[in-house]
Amino acid sequence: MRFESLLRVVGDEPVFPTGLLLAGALSRSDVERQLSRWVSVGRLWQLRRGWYALAPPYQRVKPHPFAVANRLVAGSYVSGQSALAHLGLIPEHVPVVTSVASARPARWQTPLGTFVFQHRKPSAIHGFRLVDLGAGQKGFVATAEKALLDLVALTPGADAPRYLRELRLQGLEHLDVAALSRLADRARSPKLRRAADTIAALARQESEEYEPL
């Protein structure tokens, strides 16, 4: 396969799997050897086994980290502080993209960023939406309510009022407190129930502080 042929096949895909190139008489071993050569000369980046991205200047679209994360682990969605920062609920920039999946935990450092995948049981894989990320890319991202509860579920001591206050949550007037409560009840977790109650109290406090005179 010539590199020009690869560019035609990949098109505007931000990342692509080896399987996308397995067609006709091409064998997997031949394709993998060619991909390895292109990685070695800097035309491609290998993100994890079987997944690649075009390196500059060959990229037609700059891959969005959330779209990349979704591809690296099937069935995953961006959550926790990554989703909260994207949704404007915390002020800090979050350099690591954190996702949730029913697959085993994993972490990859790549030229496109660092990607962390945290495990939750299959019954907890819900509460996310397909969102427009720009440049024709889309990704599955947790709702604000689910991102908060995933963060609490996966962080020791995160139901403590002090921890939740230190997140410096903002824009809580946009938080659906009723949906947060329903998600906590659905999880049947005392830890998440405590966190939901504390977050609801913080939302009420913020509302009272900014209530017009």
N, C-alpha and C. Protein backbone atom coordinates (compact mmCIF):
# COMPACT_ATOMS: atom_id res chain seq x y z
N MET A 1 0.84 -1.20 0.00
CA MET A 1 0.00 0.00 0.00
C MET A 1 0.88 1.25 0.00
N ARG A 2 0.55 2.19 -0.87
CA ARG A 2 1.25 3.46 -0.91
C ARG A 2 0.61 4.42 0.10
N PHE A 3 1.41 5.40 0.56
CA PHE A 3 0.91 6.33 1.57
C PHE A 3 -0.26 7.15 1.00
N GLU A 4 -0.20 7.48 -0.27
CA GLU A 4 -1.30 8.21 -0.90
C GLU A 4 -2.60 7.41 -0.83
N SER A 5 -2.48 6.10 -0.96
CA SER A 5 -3.66 5.23 -0.86
C SER A 5 -4.21 5.24 0.56
N LEU A 6 -3.31 5.25 1.54
CA LEU A 6 -3.75 5.33 2.93
C LEU A 6 -4.53 6.62 3.17
N LEU A 7 -4.02 7.73 2.65
CA LEU A 7 -4.69 9.01 2.86
C LEU A 7 -6.10 8.99 2.26
N ARG A 8 -6.25 8.34 1.13
CA ARG A 8 -7.58 8.25 0.51
C ARG A 8 -8.52 7.40 1.36
N VAL A 9 -8.00 6.30 1.91
CA VAL A 9 -8.83 5.40 2.71
C VAL A 9 -9.21 6.04 4.04
N VAL A 10 -8.24 6.66 4.68
CA VAL A 10 -8.48 7.24 6.01
C VAL A 10 -9.37 8.47 5.92
N GLY A 11 -9.19 9.26 4.86
CA GLY A 11 -10.02 10.45 4.70
C GLY A 11 -9.90 11.40 5.86
N ASP A 12 -11.05 11.79 6.42
CA ASP A 12 -11.07 12.75 7.53
C ASP A 12 -11.18 12.07 8.89
N GLU A 13 -10.95 10.77 8.95
CA GLU A 13 -11.02 10.07 10.23
C GLU A 13 -9.95 10.61 11.17
N PRO A 14 -10.31 11.02 12.41
CA PRO A 14 -9.29 11.53 13.34
C PRO A 14 -8.32 10.44 13.78
N VAL A 15 -8.81 9.23 13.95
CA VAL A 15 -7.99 8.07 14.25
C VAL A 15 -8.58 6.90 13.48
N PHE A 16 -7.78 5.85 13.29
CA PHE A 16 -8.29 4.73 12.52
C PHE A 16 -7.66 3.42 13.00
N PRO A 17 -8.40 2.31 12.88
CA PRO A 17 -7.89 1.01 13.28
C PRO A 17 -7.22 0.29 12.11
N THR A 18 -6.36 -0.65 12.42
CA THR A 18 -5.73 -1.47 11.39
C THR A 18 -6.77 -2.11 10.49
N GLY A 19 -7.87 -2.55 11.09
CA GLY A 19 -8.89 -3.26 10.33
C GLY A 19 -9.48 -2.46 9.19
N LEU A 20 -9.39 -1.12 9.27
CA LEU A 20 -9.93 -0.29 8.20
C LEU A 20 -9.18 -0.50 6.90
N LEU A 21 -7.94 -0.99 6.99
CA LEU A 21 -7.09 -1.13 5.81
C LEU A 21 -7.06 -2.55 5.28
N LEU A 22 -7.72 -3.46 5.95
CA LEU A 22 -7.68 -4.87 5.53
C LEU A 22 -8.77 -5.14 4.50
N ALA A 23 -8.40 -5.02 3.27
CA ALA A 23 -9.35 -5.26 2.18
C ALA A 23 -8.62 -5.91 1.02
N GLY A 24 -9.36 -6.63 0.21
CA GLY A 24 -8.77 -7.25 -0.96
C GLY A 24 -7.72 -8.28 -0.60
N ALA A 25 -6.58 -8.21 -1.29
CA ALA A 25 -5.53 -9.23 -1.12
C ALA A 25 -4.54 -8.86 -0.03
N LEU A 26 -4.74 -7.72 0.66
CA LEU A 26 -3.80 -7.31 1.68
C LEU A 26 -3.90 -8.21 2.91
N SER A 27 -2.76 -8.63 3.41
CA SER A 27 -2.74 -9.45 4.62
C SER A 27 -2.48 -8.56 5.83
N ARG A 28 -2.96 -9.00 6.99
CA ARG A 28 -2.75 -8.21 8.22
C ARG A 28 -1.27 -8.00 8.48
N SER A 29 -0.45 -9.02 8.31
CA SER A 29 0.98 -8.88 8.61
C SER A 29 1.63 -7.85 7.69
N ASP A 30 1.25 -7.84 6.39
CA ASP A 30 1.81 -6.85 5.47
C ASP A 30 1.38 -5.45 5.85
N VAL A 31 0.10 -5.29 6.19
CA VAL A 31 -0.40 -3.98 6.58
C VAL A 31 0.29 -3.50 7.85
N GLU A 32 0.44 -4.37 8.84
CA GLU A 32 1.07 -3.97 10.10
C GLU A 32 2.53 -3.59 9.89
N ARG A 33 3.25 -4.30 9.01
CA ARG A 33 4.64 -3.93 8.74
C ARG A 33 4.72 -2.55 8.08
N GLN A 34 3.81 -2.28 7.14
CA GLN A 34 3.82 -0.99 6.48
C GLN A 34 3.47 0.13 7.46
N LEU A 35 2.48 -0.10 8.32
CA LEU A 35 2.12 0.91 9.32
C LEU A 35 3.30 1.19 10.25
N SER A 36 4.00 0.13 10.63
CA SER A 36 5.17 0.29 11.51
C SER A 36 6.24 1.14 10.84
N ARG A 37 6.44 0.96 9.54
CA ARG A 37 7.43 1.77 8.82
C ARG A 37 7.02 3.23 8.79
N TRP A 38 5.74 3.49 8.58
CA TRP A 38 5.27 4.88 8.54
C TRP A 38 5.35 5.53 9.92
N VAL A 39 5.14 4.74 10.97
CA VAL A 39 5.32 5.27 12.32
C VAL A 39 6.79 5.65 12.54
N SER A 40 7.69 4.79 12.10
CA SER A 40 9.12 5.01 12.33
C SER A 40 9.65 6.25 11.62
N VAL A 41 9.03 6.63 10.49
CA VAL A 41 9.50 7.82 9.77
C VAL A 41 8.65 9.05 10.09
N GLY A 42 7.71 8.92 11.05
CA GLY A 42 6.97 10.07 11.53
C GLY A 42 5.76 10.46 10.72
N ARG A 43 5.30 9.58 9.83
CA ARG A 43 4.08 9.89 9.07
C ARG A 43 2.81 9.54 9.84
N LEU A 44 2.92 8.57 10.73
CA LEU A 44 1.79 8.13 11.56
C LEU A 44 2.19 8.15 13.01
N TRP A 45 1.19 8.25 13.88
CA TRP A 45 1.37 8.04 15.32
C TRP A 45 0.60 6.78 15.70
N GLN A 46 1.24 5.92 16.47
CA GLN A 46 0.52 4.77 17.02
C GLN A 46 0.03 5.15 18.41
N LEU A 47 -1.28 5.05 18.63
CA LEU A 47 -1.88 5.46 19.89
C LEU A 47 -1.95 4.31 20.88
N ARG A 48 -2.30 3.16 20.39
CA ARG A 48 -2.28 1.91 21.14
C ARG A 48 -2.25 0.81 20.09
N ARG A 49 -2.16 -0.42 20.53
CA ARG A 49 -2.08 -1.50 19.55
C ARG A 49 -3.33 -1.49 18.65
N GLY A 50 -3.09 -1.39 17.35
CA GLY A 50 -4.18 -1.46 16.39
C GLY A 50 -4.84 -0.13 16.10
N TRP A 51 -4.38 0.97 16.72
CA TRP A 51 -5.01 2.28 16.50
C TRP A 51 -3.95 3.32 16.16
N TYR A 52 -4.24 4.10 15.12
CA TYR A 52 -3.27 5.06 14.59
C TYR A 52 -3.94 6.40 14.29
N ALA A 53 -3.11 7.43 14.15
CA ALA A 53 -3.56 8.74 13.69
C ALA A 53 -2.51 9.29 12.74
N LEU A 54 -2.96 10.05 11.77
CA LEU A 54 -2.02 10.72 10.89
C LEU A 54 -1.25 11.77 11.67
N ALA A 55 0.05 11.87 11.41
CA ALA A 55 0.86 12.91 12.04
C ALA A 55 0.85 14.15 11.16
N PRO A 56 1.04 15.34 11.75
CA PRO A 56 1.17 16.54 10.92
C PRO A 56 2.35 16.37 9.96
N PRO A 57 2.29 16.88 8.76
CA PRO A 57 1.25 17.76 8.21
C PRO A 57 0.16 17.02 7.44
N TYR A 58 0.02 15.73 7.69
CA TYR A 58 -0.90 14.93 6.88
C TYR A 58 -2.33 14.94 7.42
N GLN A 59 -2.52 15.44 8.64
CA GLN A 59 -3.86 15.48 9.22
C GLN A 59 -4.74 16.46 8.45
N ARG A 60 -5.90 16.01 8.04
CA ARG A 60 -6.88 16.92 7.44
C ARG A 60 -7.72 17.58 8.53
N VAL A 61 -7.89 16.87 9.65
CA VAL A 61 -8.68 17.36 10.79
C VAL A 61 -7.86 17.12 12.05
N LYS A 62 -7.78 18.13 12.90
CA LYS A 62 -7.09 17.93 14.18
C LYS A 62 -7.98 17.07 15.08
N PRO A 63 -7.50 15.90 15.49
CA PRO A 63 -8.36 15.01 16.29
C PRO A 63 -8.73 15.64 17.63
N HIS A 64 -10.04 15.64 17.94
CA HIS A 64 -10.48 16.11 19.25
C HIS A 64 -10.20 15.01 20.28
N PRO A 65 -9.61 15.36 21.42
CA PRO A 65 -9.27 14.33 22.42
C PRO A 65 -10.46 13.46 22.84
N PHE A 66 -11.66 14.03 22.91
CA PHE A 66 -12.82 13.22 23.32
C PHE A 66 -13.18 12.20 22.25
N ALA A 67 -13.09 12.59 20.98
CA ALA A 67 -13.36 11.65 19.90
C ALA A 67 -12.32 10.54 19.89
N VAL A 68 -11.08 10.89 20.16
CA VAL A 68 -10.01 9.89 20.24
C VAL A 68 -10.29 8.91 21.37
N ALA A 69 -10.64 9.43 22.54
CA ALA A 69 -10.91 8.57 23.70
C ALA A 69 -12.02 7.57 23.40
N ASN A 70 -13.09 8.03 22.78
CA ASN A 70 -14.20 7.13 22.43
C ASN A 70 -13.73 5.99 21.55
N ARG A 71 -12.81 6.28 20.62
CA ARG A 71 -12.35 5.24 19.70
C ARG A 71 -11.41 4.25 20.37
N LEU A 72 -10.59 4.74 21.30
CA LEU A 72 -9.58 3.86 21.89
C LEU A 72 -10.18 2.71 22.68
N VAL A 73 -11.33 2.95 23.32
CA VAL A 73 -12.02 1.88 24.06
C VAL A 73 -13.49 1.92 23.67
N ALA A 74 -13.92 0.89 22.99
CA ALA A 74 -15.31 0.82 22.54
C ALA A 74 -16.26 0.82 23.74
N GLY A 75 -17.36 1.55 23.62
CA GLY A 75 -18.35 1.59 24.69
C GLY A 75 -18.02 2.54 25.81
N SER A 76 -16.96 3.33 25.66
CA SER A 76 -16.57 4.29 26.70
C SER A 76 -17.22 5.64 26.46
N TYR A 77 -17.22 6.48 27.49
CA TYR A 77 -17.67 7.87 27.37
C TYR A 77 -16.83 8.73 28.29
N VAL A 78 -16.62 9.97 27.91
CA VAL A 78 -15.82 10.90 28.69
C VAL A 78 -16.62 11.34 29.91
N SER A 79 -15.98 11.35 31.07
CA SER A 79 -16.70 11.67 32.30
C SER A 79 -15.76 12.32 33.31
N GLY A 80 -16.20 12.38 34.56
CA GLY A 80 -15.38 12.93 35.62
C GLY A 80 -14.99 14.38 35.36
N GLN A 81 -13.79 14.75 35.80
CA GLN A 81 -13.36 16.14 35.69
C GLN A 81 -13.21 16.59 34.24
N SER A 82 -12.90 15.66 33.33
CA SER A 82 -12.80 16.03 31.91
C SER A 82 -14.13 16.55 31.40
N ALA A 83 -15.20 15.82 31.69
CA ALA A 83 -16.53 16.26 31.26
C ALA A 83 -16.96 17.52 31.99
N LEU A 84 -16.67 17.60 33.29
CA LEU A 84 -17.06 18.78 34.07
C LEU A 84 -16.39 20.04 33.54
N ALA A 85 -15.11 19.95 33.17
CA ALA A 85 -14.41 21.11 32.62
C ALA A 85 -15.00 21.48 31.26
N HIS A 86 -15.28 20.48 30.45
CA HIS A 86 -15.87 20.73 29.13
C HIS A 86 -17.23 21.42 29.24
N LEU A 87 -17.99 21.04 30.27
CA LEU A 87 -19.33 21.60 30.48
C LEU A 87 -19.31 22.91 31.26
N GLY A 88 -18.12 23.33 31.71
CA GLY A 88 -17.99 24.60 32.41
C GLY A 88 -18.37 24.56 33.88
N LEU A 89 -18.38 23.37 34.48
CA LEU A 89 -18.76 23.27 35.90
C LEU A 89 -17.58 23.37 36.85
N ILE A 90 -16.36 23.24 36.33
CA ILE A 90 -15.18 23.49 37.15
C ILE A 90 -14.27 24.42 36.36
N PRO A 91 -13.52 25.28 37.04
CA PRO A 91 -12.74 26.31 36.34
C PRO A 91 -11.44 25.82 35.74
N GLU A 92 -10.90 24.70 36.21
CA GLU A 92 -9.57 24.28 35.79
C GLU A 92 -9.57 23.60 34.43
N HIS A 93 -8.47 23.80 33.69
CA HIS A 93 -8.22 23.00 32.50
C HIS A 93 -7.76 21.62 32.96
N VAL A 94 -8.27 20.58 32.34
CA VAL A 94 -7.92 19.21 32.72
C VAL A 94 -7.13 18.59 31.58
N PRO A 95 -5.81 18.39 31.75
CA PRO A 95 -4.98 17.92 30.64
C PRO A 95 -5.16 16.45 30.30
N VAL A 96 -5.62 15.66 31.24
CA VAL A 96 -5.82 14.22 31.01
C VAL A 96 -7.29 13.97 30.70
N VAL A 97 -7.56 13.19 29.67
CA VAL A 97 -8.94 12.85 29.31
C VAL A 97 -9.33 11.58 30.06
N THR A 98 -10.31 11.70 30.94
CA THR A 98 -10.77 10.57 31.73
C THR A 98 -12.10 10.07 31.18
N SER A 99 -12.15 8.76 30.96
CA SER A 99 -13.36 8.13 30.45
C SER A 99 -13.78 7.00 31.38
N VAL A 100 -15.02 6.58 31.22
CA VAL A 100 -15.57 5.47 31.99
C VAL A 100 -16.01 4.39 31.01
N ALA A 101 -15.77 3.14 31.38
CA ALA A 101 -16.16 2.01 30.53
C ALA A 101 -16.32 0.78 31.42
N SER A 102 -16.97 -0.23 30.88
CA SER A 102 -17.07 -1.49 31.61
C SER A 102 -15.84 -2.36 31.39
N ALA A 103 -14.95 -1.93 30.47
CA ALA A 103 -13.70 -2.65 30.23
C ALA A 103 -12.74 -2.42 31.40
N ARG A 104 -11.66 -3.17 31.39
CA ARG A 104 -10.69 -3.03 32.49
C ARG A 104 -10.00 -1.67 32.42
N PRO A 105 -9.50 -1.18 33.55
CA PRO A 105 -8.84 0.12 33.56
C PRO A 105 -7.61 0.14 32.64
N ALA A 106 -7.33 1.30 32.09
CA ALA A 106 -6.18 1.45 31.20
C ALA A 106 -5.73 2.90 31.18
N ARG A 107 -4.49 3.09 30.74
CA ARG A 107 -3.94 4.44 30.61
C ARG A 107 -2.97 4.44 29.43
N TRP A 108 -3.12 5.39 28.51
CA TRP A 108 -2.21 5.51 27.38
C TRP A 108 -1.73 6.95 27.26
N GLN A 109 -0.43 7.10 27.15
CA GLN A 109 0.17 8.40 26.86
C GLN A 109 0.52 8.40 25.38
N THR A 110 -0.05 9.34 24.63
CA THR A 110 0.09 9.35 23.18
C THR A 110 0.46 10.76 22.72
N PRO A 111 0.85 10.90 21.46
CA PRO A 111 1.10 12.25 20.94
C PRO A 111 -0.15 13.12 20.91
N LEU A 112 -1.32 12.51 21.03
CA LEU A 112 -2.58 13.27 21.05
C LEU A 112 -3.07 13.55 22.46
N GLY A 113 -2.30 13.15 23.46
CA GLY A 113 -2.69 13.39 24.84
C GLY A 113 -2.64 12.14 25.68
N THR A 114 -2.97 12.29 26.95
CA THR A 114 -3.01 11.17 27.89
C THR A 114 -4.46 10.79 28.12
N PHE A 115 -4.73 9.49 28.02
CA PHE A 115 -6.09 8.99 28.11
C PHE A 115 -6.18 7.94 29.22
N VAL A 116 -7.08 8.18 30.16
CA VAL A 116 -7.28 7.27 31.29
C VAL A 116 -8.70 6.70 31.19
N PHE A 117 -8.80 5.38 31.38
CA PHE A 117 -10.10 4.71 31.35
C PHE A 117 -10.32 4.03 32.69
N GLN A 118 -11.42 4.39 33.34
CA GLN A 118 -11.75 3.84 34.65
C GLN A 118 -12.93 2.87 34.52
N HIS A 119 -12.88 1.85 35.31
CA HIS A 119 -13.90 0.79 35.21
C HIS A 119 -15.08 1.06 36.12
N ARG A 120 -16.29 0.90 35.55
CA ARG A 120 -17.50 0.81 36.34
C ARG A 120 -18.30 -0.38 35.81
N LYS A 121 -19.10 -0.96 36.67
CA LYS A 121 -19.86 -2.13 36.26
C LYS A 121 -20.84 -1.77 35.15
N PRO A 122 -21.23 -2.73 34.32
CA PRO A 122 -22.09 -2.43 33.17
C PRO A 122 -23.37 -1.68 33.53
N SER A 123 -23.95 -1.95 34.68
CA SER A 123 -25.20 -1.27 35.05
C SER A 123 -25.00 0.23 35.29
N ALA A 124 -23.74 0.66 35.44
CA ALA A 124 -23.45 2.08 35.67
C ALA A 124 -23.09 2.81 34.37
N ILE A 125 -23.08 2.09 33.26
CA ILE A 125 -22.71 2.71 31.98
C ILE A 125 -23.97 3.30 31.35
N HIS A 126 -24.25 4.53 31.70
CA HIS A 126 -25.41 5.26 31.18
C HIS A 126 -25.21 6.73 31.53
N GLY A 127 -26.15 7.56 31.15
CA GLY A 127 -26.08 8.98 31.51
C GLY A 127 -25.11 9.78 30.67
N PHE A 128 -24.96 9.43 29.39
CA PHE A 128 -24.08 10.19 28.51
C PHE A 128 -24.82 10.51 27.21
N ARG A 129 -24.27 11.48 26.47
CA ARG A 129 -24.90 11.93 25.24
C ARG A 129 -23.86 12.04 24.14
N LEU A 130 -24.32 11.97 22.90
CA LEU A 130 -23.45 12.23 21.75
C LEU A 130 -23.46 13.73 21.51
N VAL A 131 -22.28 14.36 21.63
CA VAL A 131 -22.20 15.81 21.50
C VAL A 131 -21.32 16.20 20.32
N ASP A 132 -21.59 17.35 19.77
CA ASP A 132 -20.82 17.89 18.65
C ASP A 132 -19.53 18.50 19.19
N LEU A 133 -18.40 18.03 18.69
CA LEU A 133 -17.09 18.49 19.16
C LEU A 133 -16.44 19.45 18.17
N GLY A 134 -17.12 19.73 17.08
CA GLY A 134 -16.57 20.62 16.07
C GLY A 134 -15.78 19.88 15.01
N ALA A 135 -15.57 20.52 13.88
CA ALA A 135 -14.81 19.96 12.75
C ALA A 135 -15.35 18.61 12.31
N GLY A 136 -16.67 18.45 12.42
CA GLY A 136 -17.30 17.21 11.99
C GLY A 136 -17.12 16.04 12.92
N GLN A 137 -16.60 16.27 14.13
CA GLN A 137 -16.37 15.19 15.08
C GLN A 137 -17.44 15.19 16.17
N LYS A 138 -17.76 14.02 16.63
CA LYS A 138 -18.73 13.85 17.71
C LYS A 138 -18.15 12.89 18.75
N GLY A 139 -18.68 12.97 19.97
CA GLY A 139 -18.20 12.08 21.01
C GLY A 139 -19.23 11.89 22.09
N PHE A 140 -19.12 10.77 22.79
CA PHE A 140 -20.01 10.48 23.90
C PHE A 140 -19.42 11.10 25.17
N VAL A 141 -20.20 11.97 25.80
CA VAL A 141 -19.76 12.71 26.99
C VAL A 141 -20.85 12.60 28.05
N ALA A 142 -20.47 12.38 29.28
CA ALA A 142 -21.44 12.28 30.37
C ALA A 142 -22.17 13.60 30.54
N THR A 143 -23.43 13.51 30.99
CA THR A 143 -24.13 14.71 31.43
C THR A 143 -23.42 15.25 32.68
N ALA A 144 -23.69 16.49 33.00
CA ALA A 144 -23.05 17.08 34.18
C ALA A 144 -23.36 16.26 35.43
N GLU A 145 -24.60 15.82 35.55
CA GLU A 145 -25.02 15.07 36.74
C GLU A 145 -24.29 13.73 36.83
N LYS A 146 -24.17 13.03 35.69
CA LYS A 146 -23.50 11.73 35.69
C LYS A 146 -22.00 11.88 35.88
N ALA A 147 -21.42 12.93 35.29
CA ALA A 147 -19.99 13.17 35.46
C ALA A 147 -19.64 13.39 36.93
N LEU A 148 -20.48 14.14 37.63
CA LEU A 148 -20.24 14.35 39.06
C LEU A 148 -20.30 13.04 39.85
N LEU A 149 -21.32 12.24 39.57
CA LEU A 149 -21.47 11.00 40.33
C LEU A 149 -20.41 9.96 39.94
N ASP A 150 -19.97 9.94 38.69
CA ASP A 150 -18.87 9.05 38.32
C ASP A 150 -17.60 9.46 39.07
N LEU A 151 -17.35 10.76 39.14
CA LEU A 151 -16.18 11.25 39.86
C LEU A 151 -16.23 10.82 41.32
N VAL A 152 -17.38 10.97 41.94
CA VAL A 152 -17.53 10.58 43.34
C VAL A 152 -17.35 9.07 43.50
N ALA A 153 -17.97 8.30 42.61
CA ALA A 153 -17.90 6.84 42.72
C ALA A 153 -16.47 6.33 42.61
N LEU A 154 -15.65 6.99 41.80
CA LEU A 154 -14.31 6.48 41.48
C LEU A 154 -13.20 7.14 42.28
N THR A 155 -13.55 8.08 43.17
CA THR A 155 -12.55 8.79 43.97
C THR A 155 -12.79 8.53 45.45
N PRO A 156 -11.81 7.95 46.14
CA PRO A 156 -11.98 7.71 47.58
C PRO A 156 -12.24 9.01 48.33
N GLY A 157 -13.23 9.00 49.20
CA GLY A 157 -13.53 10.16 50.03
C GLY A 157 -14.20 11.30 49.30
N ALA A 158 -14.62 11.09 48.05
CA ALA A 158 -15.17 12.20 47.27
C ALA A 158 -16.58 12.59 47.67
N ASP A 159 -17.20 11.85 48.56
CA ASP A 159 -18.53 12.25 49.05
C ASP A 159 -18.43 13.22 50.22
N ALA A 160 -17.21 13.49 50.68
CA ALA A 160 -17.04 14.41 51.81
C ALA A 160 -17.36 15.84 51.36
N PRO A 161 -18.12 16.60 52.16
CA PRO A 161 -18.44 17.98 51.79
C PRO A 161 -17.21 18.82 51.47
N ARG A 162 -16.12 18.60 52.21
CA ARG A 162 -14.90 19.38 51.95
C ARG A 162 -14.37 19.12 50.54
N TYR A 163 -14.34 17.86 50.13
CA TYR A 163 -13.86 17.52 48.79
C TYR A 163 -14.73 18.20 47.72
N LEU A 164 -16.04 18.12 47.90
CA LEU A 164 -16.95 18.68 46.91
C LEU A 164 -16.85 20.20 46.86
N ARG A 165 -16.62 20.83 48.01
CA ARG A 165 -16.43 22.29 48.01
C ARG A 165 -15.14 22.66 47.29
N GLU A 166 -14.09 21.85 47.48
CA GLU A 166 -12.79 22.15 46.87
C GLU A 166 -12.79 21.97 45.37
N LEU A 167 -13.82 21.33 44.81
CA LEU A 167 -13.94 21.26 43.36
C LEU A 167 -14.24 22.63 42.76
N ARG A 168 -14.73 23.54 43.60
CA ARG A 168 -15.10 24.89 43.15
C ARG A 168 -16.12 24.82 42.01
N LEU A 169 -17.15 24.04 42.24
CA LEU A 169 -18.20 23.90 41.23
C LEU A 169 -18.81 25.25 40.91
N GLN A 170 -19.09 25.49 39.65
CA GLN A 170 -19.65 26.75 39.21
C GLN A 170 -20.78 26.49 38.21
N GLY A 171 -21.58 27.49 37.98
CA GLY A 171 -22.69 27.32 37.04
C GLY A 171 -23.69 26.28 37.48
N LEU A 172 -23.85 26.13 38.79
CA LEU A 172 -24.74 25.09 39.29
C LEU A 172 -26.21 25.37 39.01
N GLU A 173 -26.50 26.60 38.57
CA GLU A 173 -27.89 26.88 38.19
C GLU A 173 -28.30 26.07 36.95
N HIS A 174 -27.30 25.58 36.22
CA HIS A 174 -27.59 24.75 35.05
C HIS A 174 -27.67 23.26 35.38
N LEU A 175 -27.35 22.92 36.62
CA LEU A 175 -27.39 21.52 37.03
C LEU A 175 -28.83 21.09 37.30
N ASP A 176 -29.19 19.92 36.81
CA ASP A 176 -30.53 19.37 37.05
C ASP A 176 -30.46 18.56 38.35
N VAL A 177 -30.81 19.22 39.45
CA VAL A 177 -30.69 18.58 40.77
C VAL A 177 -31.61 17.37 40.88
N ALA A 178 -32.79 17.44 40.26
CA ALA A 178 -33.71 16.30 40.29
C ALA A 178 -33.11 15.11 39.56
N ALA A 179 -32.47 15.36 38.41
CA ALA A 179 -31.83 14.27 37.66
C ALA A 179 -30.66 13.69 38.45
N LEU A 180 -29.91 14.56 39.14
CA LEU A 180 -28.81 14.11 39.98
C LEU A 180 -29.33 13.17 41.06
N SER A 181 -30.43 13.54 41.68
CA SER A 181 -31.02 12.72 42.73
C SER A 181 -31.50 11.37 42.18
N ARG A 182 -32.10 11.39 41.00
CA ARG A 182 -32.57 10.13 40.40
C ARG A 182 -31.40 9.20 40.08
N LEU A 183 -30.31 9.76 39.57
CA LEU A 183 -29.14 8.94 39.27
C LEU A 183 -28.56 8.33 40.54
N ALA A 184 -28.52 9.11 41.62
CA ALA A 184 -28.00 8.59 42.88
C ALA A 184 -28.90 7.47 43.41
N ASP A 185 -30.20 7.66 43.30
CA ASP A 185 -31.13 6.61 43.75
C ASP A 185 -30.99 5.35 42.90
N ARG A 186 -30.82 5.55 41.61
CA ARG A 186 -30.67 4.40 40.70
C ARG A 186 -29.45 3.57 41.06
N ALA A 187 -28.38 4.23 41.49
CA ALA A 187 -27.13 3.53 41.83
C ALA A 187 -27.24 2.76 43.14
N ARG A 188 -28.21 3.12 43.96
CA ARG A 188 -28.38 2.47 45.27
C ARG A 188 -27.08 2.48 46.07
N SER A 189 -26.44 3.64 46.07
CA SER A 189 -25.17 3.80 46.76
C SER A 189 -25.29 4.89 47.81
N PRO A 190 -25.11 4.56 49.10
CA PRO A 190 -25.15 5.60 50.14
C PRO A 190 -24.13 6.70 49.88
N LYS A 191 -22.97 6.34 49.33
CA LYS A 191 -21.94 7.34 49.03
C LYS A 191 -22.44 8.35 48.01
N LEU A 192 -23.06 7.86 46.95
CA LEU A 192 -23.57 8.77 45.91
C LEU A 192 -24.76 9.56 46.42
N ARG A 193 -25.57 8.96 47.28
CA ARG A 193 -26.71 9.67 47.85
C ARG A 193 -26.23 10.84 48.70
N ARG A 194 -25.18 10.61 49.51
CA ARG A 194 -24.64 11.69 50.34
C ARG A 194 -24.08 12.81 49.46
N ALA A 195 -23.36 12.41 48.41
CA ALA A 195 -22.78 13.41 47.52
C ALA A 195 -23.86 14.22 46.82
N ALA A 196 -24.90 13.56 46.35
CA ALA A 196 -25.99 14.26 45.67
C ALA A 196 -26.64 15.27 46.59
N ASP A 197 -26.84 14.91 47.84
CA ASP A 197 -27.45 15.84 48.80
C ASP A 197 -26.55 17.05 49.03
N THR A 198 -25.23 16.81 49.14
CA THR A 198 -24.30 17.91 49.36
C THR A 198 -24.26 18.84 48.14
N ILE A 199 -24.23 18.26 46.94
CA ILE A 199 -24.19 19.07 45.72
C ILE A 199 -25.48 19.89 45.58
N ALA A 200 -26.60 19.29 45.94
CA ALA A 200 -27.87 20.03 45.89
C ALA A 200 -27.83 21.22 46.85
N ALA A 201 -27.23 21.01 48.03
CA ALA A 201 -27.11 22.11 48.99
C ALA A 201 -26.20 23.21 48.45
N LEU A 202 -25.12 22.82 47.78
CA LEU A 202 -24.22 23.81 47.18
C LEU A 202 -24.93 24.60 46.08
N ALA A 203 -25.77 23.90 45.31
CA ALA A 203 -26.52 24.58 44.25
C ALA A 203 -27.50 25.59 44.85
N ARG A 204 -28.16 25.21 45.96
CA ARG A 204 -29.09 26.14 46.61
C ARG A 204 -28.33 27.34 47.16
N GLN A 205 -27.17 27.09 47.73
CA GLN A 205 -26.36 28.18 48.30
C GLN A 205 -25.93 29.14 47.20
N GLU A 206 -25.50 28.61 46.07
CA GLU A 206 -25.09 29.48 44.95
C GLU A 206 -26.27 30.31 44.46
N SER A 207 -27.43 29.68 44.39
CA SER A 207 -28.64 30.38 43.94
C SER A 207 -28.99 31.53 44.87
N GLU A 208 -28.88 31.29 46.18
CA GLU A 208 -29.21 32.32 47.15
C GLU A 208 -28.21 33.47 47.11
N GLU A 209 -26.93 33.14 46.86
CA GLU A 209 -25.90 34.18 46.83
C GLU A 209 -26.09 35.13 45.66
N TYR A 210 -26.63 34.60 44.56
CA TYR A 210 -26.77 35.43 43.36
C TYR A 210 -28.21 35.85 43.10
N GLU A 211 -29.06 35.62 44.07
CA GLU A 211 -30.47 36.02 43.91
C GLU A 211 -30.54 37.53 43.91
N PRO A 212 -31.19 38.12 42.89
CA PRO A 212 -31.27 39.59 42.81
C PRO A 212 -32.06 40.17 43.98
N LEU A 213 -31.60 41.34 44.43
CA LEU A 213 -32.26 42.02 45.57
C LEU A 213 -33.55 42.68 45.13
